[in-house]
Amino acid sequence: MLLAGLALHAVPTSARTLHFGTSATYEPYEFVDAANQIVGFDIDIANAVCKEMQAKCTFTNQSFDSLIPGLRFKKFDAVIAGMDMTPKREQQVSFSQPYYEGLSAVVVTRKGAYHSFADLKGKKIGLENGTTHQRYLQDKHKEIVSAAYDSYLNAFTDLKSNRLEGVFGDVAAIGKWLKNNPDYAIMDERAKDPEYYGKGLGIAVRKGNDALLQEINAALDKVKASPEYAQLQEKWFTP
């Protein structure tokens, strides 16, 4: 693992390793597949970035709300985990340019049950702990009871068991789950507040690790300009 402030160029090319923290519970961004491998859009983006940097990617899988503390305590070099670039997080870490934009959040419920956030007053809605979605619901809709989970998989389990009225999260992640659960649908009203969702997803590094941040941004420039980037979006986000 690289220590903060250690320039990656000081390591021979053949030995360079970029160690990412992630939370593999958020399909299609990152999840554990049938072969017990961490895969997803973010993982492919990270590997493409590492290729441009002539580095090898490794990944540590842990809970989402522990990723920024883990990064700050040098458990890994960077974080990629479907992480929205919010002002609050920017006080703790530095973010790359966005690698995915145009985000919003939705609630999935039983078909026809609810249509707007007003309909959810007093209802219990599940979400992943530490996410922008949690902060949005707690800040903007205090009338809704938010239930924090360590993963969306557990929230969806409780939704199907009627312990929740809905699950609140990213459009792409929820859309994947809906494909296999036709009795549920996305509620009509969406959360699009730019204060929470306007900047997109970024790769986080420790404050002061400017050399690494510059390298990641330069690599992202090349990745986003390549045909591979569109192919990855089609691979992971097309139903």
Protein backbone atom coordinates (compact mmCIF):
# COMPACT_ATOMS: atom_id res chain seq x y z
CA MET A 1 0.00 0.00 0.00
CA LEU A 2 1.27 3.46 -0.87
CA LEU A 3 1.66 5.95 1.95
CA ALA A 4 0.22 9.46 1.73
CA GLY A 5 2.62 11.85 0.07
CA LEU A 6 4.71 9.10 -1.56
CA ALA A 7 4.92 9.92 -5.24
CA LEU A 8 3.85 7.02 -7.40
CA HIS A 9 6.70 7.78 -9.79
CA ALA A 10 9.17 6.76 -7.07
CA VAL A 11 8.07 3.15 -7.51
CA PRO A 12 9.24 1.11 -10.51
CA THR A 13 6.53 0.82 -13.15
CA SER A 14 6.32 -2.96 -12.81
CA ALA A 15 5.66 -2.65 -9.07
CA ARG A 16 3.13 0.17 -8.98
CA THR A 17 -0.07 -0.62 -7.14
CA LEU A 18 -3.07 1.62 -6.56
CA HIS A 19 -5.14 0.34 -3.67
CA PHE A 20 -8.84 1.29 -3.78
CA GLY A 21 -11.41 1.09 -1.04
CA THR A 22 -14.93 0.22 -2.18
CA SER A 23 -18.24 -1.12 -0.88
CA ALA A 24 -19.35 -3.98 -3.10
CA THR A 25 -23.07 -3.89 -2.29
CA TYR A 26 -24.23 -1.44 -4.94
CA GLU A 27 -24.91 -3.12 -8.27
CA PRO A 28 -24.16 -2.10 -11.02
CA TYR A 29 -21.43 0.16 -9.60
CA GLU A 30 -19.70 -2.49 -7.49
CA PHE A 31 -20.85 -5.88 -6.27
CA VAL A 32 -19.64 -9.43 -5.68
CA ASP A 33 -20.47 -11.77 -8.56
CA ALA A 34 -21.14 -15.52 -8.59
CA ALA A 35 -17.41 -16.19 -8.79
CA ASN A 36 -16.87 -14.14 -5.61
CA GLN A 37 -15.11 -11.38 -7.56
CA ILE A 38 -15.72 -7.65 -7.08
CA VAL A 39 -17.08 -6.35 -10.39
CA GLY A 40 -19.10 -3.40 -11.72
CA PHE A 41 -18.93 -0.08 -13.53
CA ASP A 42 -16.71 1.53 -10.87
CA ILE A 43 -14.34 -1.42 -10.88
CA ASP A 44 -13.97 -1.23 -14.66
CA ILE A 45 -13.39 2.54 -14.42
CA ALA A 46 -10.73 2.03 -11.75
CA ASN A 47 -8.99 -0.63 -13.81
CA ALA A 48 -9.05 1.63 -16.87
CA VAL A 49 -7.53 4.45 -14.81
CA CYS A 50 -4.83 2.12 -13.48
CA LYS A 51 -4.03 0.98 -17.01
CA GLU A 52 -3.48 4.59 -18.08
CA MET A 53 -1.28 5.12 -15.01
CA GLN A 54 0.63 1.88 -15.70
CA ALA A 55 -0.39 0.65 -12.27
CA LYS A 56 -2.11 -2.42 -10.87
CA CYS A 57 -5.46 -2.00 -9.09
CA THR A 58 -6.31 -3.78 -5.86
CA PHE A 59 -9.58 -3.43 -3.95
CA THR A 60 -10.63 -3.62 -0.30
CA ASN A 61 -14.33 -4.24 0.29
CA GLN A 62 -15.90 -2.72 3.41
CA SER A 63 -18.99 -0.83 4.54
CA PHE A 64 -19.72 2.42 2.72
CA ASP A 65 -19.77 4.62 5.83
CA SER A 66 -16.26 3.43 6.80
CA LEU A 67 -14.61 4.28 3.47
CA ILE A 68 -13.70 7.93 4.09
CA PRO A 69 -12.35 7.21 7.60
CA GLY A 70 -10.38 4.28 6.14
CA LEU A 71 -8.95 6.51 3.43
CA ARG A 72 -7.97 9.22 5.90
CA PHE A 73 -6.24 6.62 8.10
CA LYS A 74 -4.25 5.36 5.06
CA LYS A 75 -5.93 1.98 4.76
CA PHE A 76 -5.97 2.54 0.99
CA ASP A 77 -4.87 5.15 -1.55
CA ALA A 78 -8.22 6.08 -3.06
CA VAL A 79 -11.94 5.33 -2.86
CA ILE A 80 -14.30 4.48 -5.71
CA ALA A 81 -17.76 3.48 -4.53
CA GLY A 82 -20.54 5.32 -6.36
CA MET A 83 -19.68 8.26 -4.09
CA ASP A 84 -21.41 11.60 -4.74
CA MET A 85 -19.12 14.60 -4.49
CA THR A 86 -20.86 16.64 -1.80
CA PRO A 87 -19.60 19.76 0.02
CA LYS A 88 -19.54 17.84 3.30
CA ARG A 89 -17.33 15.10 1.87
CA GLU A 90 -15.12 17.67 0.15
CA GLN A 91 -14.21 18.98 3.60
CA GLN A 92 -12.71 15.57 4.42
CA VAL A 93 -11.20 14.32 1.14
CA SER A 94 -10.23 15.56 -2.31
CA PHE A 95 -12.20 14.38 -5.33
CA SER A 96 -11.22 13.76 -8.91
CA GLN A 97 -13.19 15.17 -11.80
CA PRO A 98 -16.54 13.34 -12.11
CA TYR A 99 -16.40 9.99 -13.88
CA TYR A 100 -20.21 9.73 -14.02
CA GLU A 101 -22.75 12.56 -14.01
CA GLY A 102 -26.48 13.22 -14.36
CA LEU A 103 -27.47 11.61 -11.08
CA SER A 104 -30.75 11.59 -9.21
CA ALA A 105 -32.36 9.35 -6.65
CA VAL A 106 -35.63 7.44 -6.62
CA VAL A 107 -37.86 5.44 -4.34
CA VAL A 108 -38.92 1.94 -5.32
CA THR A 109 -42.23 0.73 -3.86
CA ARG A 110 -44.92 -1.77 -4.70
CA LYS A 111 -46.53 -0.84 -8.01
CA GLY A 112 -49.07 1.96 -7.65
CA ALA A 113 -48.63 2.28 -3.89
CA TYR A 114 -47.09 5.78 -3.78
CA HIS A 115 -46.42 8.55 -6.29
CA SER A 116 -44.64 11.40 -4.44
CA PHE A 117 -42.58 12.10 -1.34
CA ALA A 118 -45.69 13.65 0.20
CA ASP A 119 -47.37 10.24 -0.03
CA LEU A 120 -44.59 8.77 2.12
CA LYS A 121 -45.25 10.89 5.21
CA GLY A 122 -44.81 8.68 8.28
CA LYS A 123 -43.71 5.72 6.15
CA LYS A 124 -40.50 3.76 6.71
CA ILE A 125 -38.03 3.95 3.80
CA GLY A 126 -34.78 2.00 3.63
CA LEU A 127 -31.45 3.32 2.36
CA GLU A 128 -27.73 2.64 2.70
CA ASN A 129 -25.99 4.17 5.71
CA GLY A 130 -23.62 7.06 5.01
CA THR A 131 -24.91 7.85 1.53
CA THR A 132 -26.00 11.15 0.01
CA HIS A 133 -29.48 9.61 -0.21
CA GLN A 134 -29.60 9.27 3.56
CA ARG A 135 -28.57 12.89 4.09
CA TYR A 136 -31.09 14.11 1.50
CA LEU A 137 -33.99 12.28 3.09
CA GLN A 138 -33.05 13.36 6.60
CA ASP A 139 -32.54 17.00 5.56
CA LYS A 140 -35.37 17.49 3.08
CA HIS A 141 -38.06 15.04 4.21
CA LYS A 142 -38.03 14.76 7.97
CA GLU A 143 -41.63 13.61 7.77
CA ILE A 144 -40.42 10.30 6.30
CA VAL A 145 -38.93 7.65 8.58
CA SER A 146 -35.51 6.69 7.21
CA ALA A 147 -34.08 3.26 8.05
CA ALA A 148 -30.32 2.85 7.51
CA TYR A 149 -28.89 -0.45 6.27
CA ASP A 150 -25.33 -1.65 5.77
CA SER A 151 -26.25 -2.64 2.21
CA TYR A 152 -29.08 -2.21 -0.27
CA LEU A 153 -29.41 -5.99 -0.50
CA ASN A 154 -30.66 -6.06 3.09
CA ALA A 155 -32.98 -3.11 2.50
CA PHE A 156 -34.55 -4.83 -0.50
CA THR A 157 -34.99 -8.01 1.57
CA ASP A 158 -36.97 -6.04 4.16
CA LEU A 159 -38.99 -4.34 1.42
CA LYS A 160 -40.08 -7.71 0.07
CA SER A 161 -40.88 -8.84 3.62
CA ASN A 162 -43.16 -5.79 4.10
CA ARG A 163 -40.95 -4.29 6.82
CA LEU A 164 -40.42 -1.23 4.60
CA GLU A 165 -42.68 0.80 2.33
CA GLY A 166 -39.85 1.63 -0.07
CA VAL A 167 -36.12 1.81 -0.73
CA PHE A 168 -34.41 5.08 -1.67
CA GLY A 169 -31.28 5.10 -3.81
CA ASP A 170 -29.51 5.59 -7.12
CA VAL A 171 -31.48 5.08 -10.32
CA ALA A 172 -29.03 2.61 -11.87
CA ALA A 173 -28.71 0.45 -8.76
CA ILE A 174 -32.45 0.27 -8.19
CA GLY A 175 -33.15 -0.31 -11.87
CA LYS A 176 -31.04 -3.46 -11.84
CA TRP A 177 -33.01 -4.86 -8.89
CA LEU A 178 -36.35 -4.04 -10.52
CA LYS A 179 -35.54 -6.22 -13.52
CA ASN A 180 -35.94 -9.27 -11.30
CA ASN A 181 -38.78 -7.92 -9.16
CA PRO A 182 -41.69 -6.97 -11.45
CA ASP A 183 -44.15 -6.36 -8.59
CA TYR A 184 -42.27 -3.17 -7.72
CA ALA A 185 -41.75 0.13 -9.56
CA ILE A 186 -40.01 3.49 -9.28
CA MET A 187 -42.15 6.19 -7.69
CA ASP A 188 -43.02 9.09 -10.02
CA GLU A 189 -41.27 11.89 -8.11
CA ARG A 190 -37.45 11.87 -8.10
CA ALA A 191 -34.86 13.66 -5.96
CA LYS A 192 -32.78 15.97 -8.18
CA ASP A 193 -31.60 18.69 -5.79
CA PRO A 194 -28.24 19.91 -7.20
CA GLU A 195 -26.94 20.53 -3.68
CA TYR A 196 -26.98 16.76 -3.22
CA TYR A 197 -26.80 15.27 -6.73
CA GLY A 198 -25.39 17.99 -9.00
CA LYS A 199 -21.70 17.08 -9.17
CA GLY A 200 -21.78 13.41 -10.01
CA LEU A 201 -19.52 10.60 -8.82
CA GLY A 202 -15.81 11.05 -8.12
CA ILE A 203 -12.75 9.14 -6.96
CA ALA A 204 -11.65 10.27 -3.48
CA VAL A 205 -8.06 10.66 -2.31
CA ARG A 206 -6.58 12.02 0.89
CA LYS A 207 -6.29 15.77 1.33
CA GLY A 208 -2.84 16.89 0.26
CA ASN A 209 -2.17 13.93 -2.04
CA ASP A 210 -2.11 16.26 -5.03
CA ALA A 211 0.32 14.23 -7.13
CA LEU A 212 -1.97 11.19 -7.08
CA LEU A 213 -5.04 13.34 -7.73
CA GLN A 214 -3.41 14.90 -10.80
CA GLU A 215 -2.47 11.47 -12.14
CA ILE A 216 -6.00 10.15 -11.63
CA ASN A 217 -7.51 13.19 -13.36
CA ALA A 218 -5.13 12.88 -16.30
CA ALA A 219 -6.02 9.20 -16.60
CA LEU A 220 -9.75 9.95 -16.38
CA ASP A 221 -9.39 12.48 -19.21
CA LYS A 222 -8.11 9.70 -21.43
CA VAL A 223 -10.62 7.10 -20.25
CA LYS A 224 -13.64 9.39 -20.75
CA ALA A 225 -12.43 10.38 -24.23
CA SER A 226 -12.00 6.75 -25.32
CA PRO A 227 -14.60 4.48 -26.98
CA GLU A 228 -14.24 2.19 -23.96
CA TYR A 229 -16.06 4.68 -21.71
CA ALA A 230 -19.28 4.56 -23.73
CA GLN A 231 -18.96 0.78 -23.92
CA LEU A 232 -18.74 0.54 -20.14
CA GLN A 233 -21.86 2.66 -19.68
CA GLU A 234 -23.75 0.48 -22.12
CA LYS A 235 -22.43 -2.68 -20.44
CA TRP A 236 -23.54 -1.72 -16.94
CA PHE A 237 -26.48 0.68 -17.33
CA THR A 238 -28.42 -0.65 -20.32
CA PRO A 239 -31.34 -2.84 -19.19
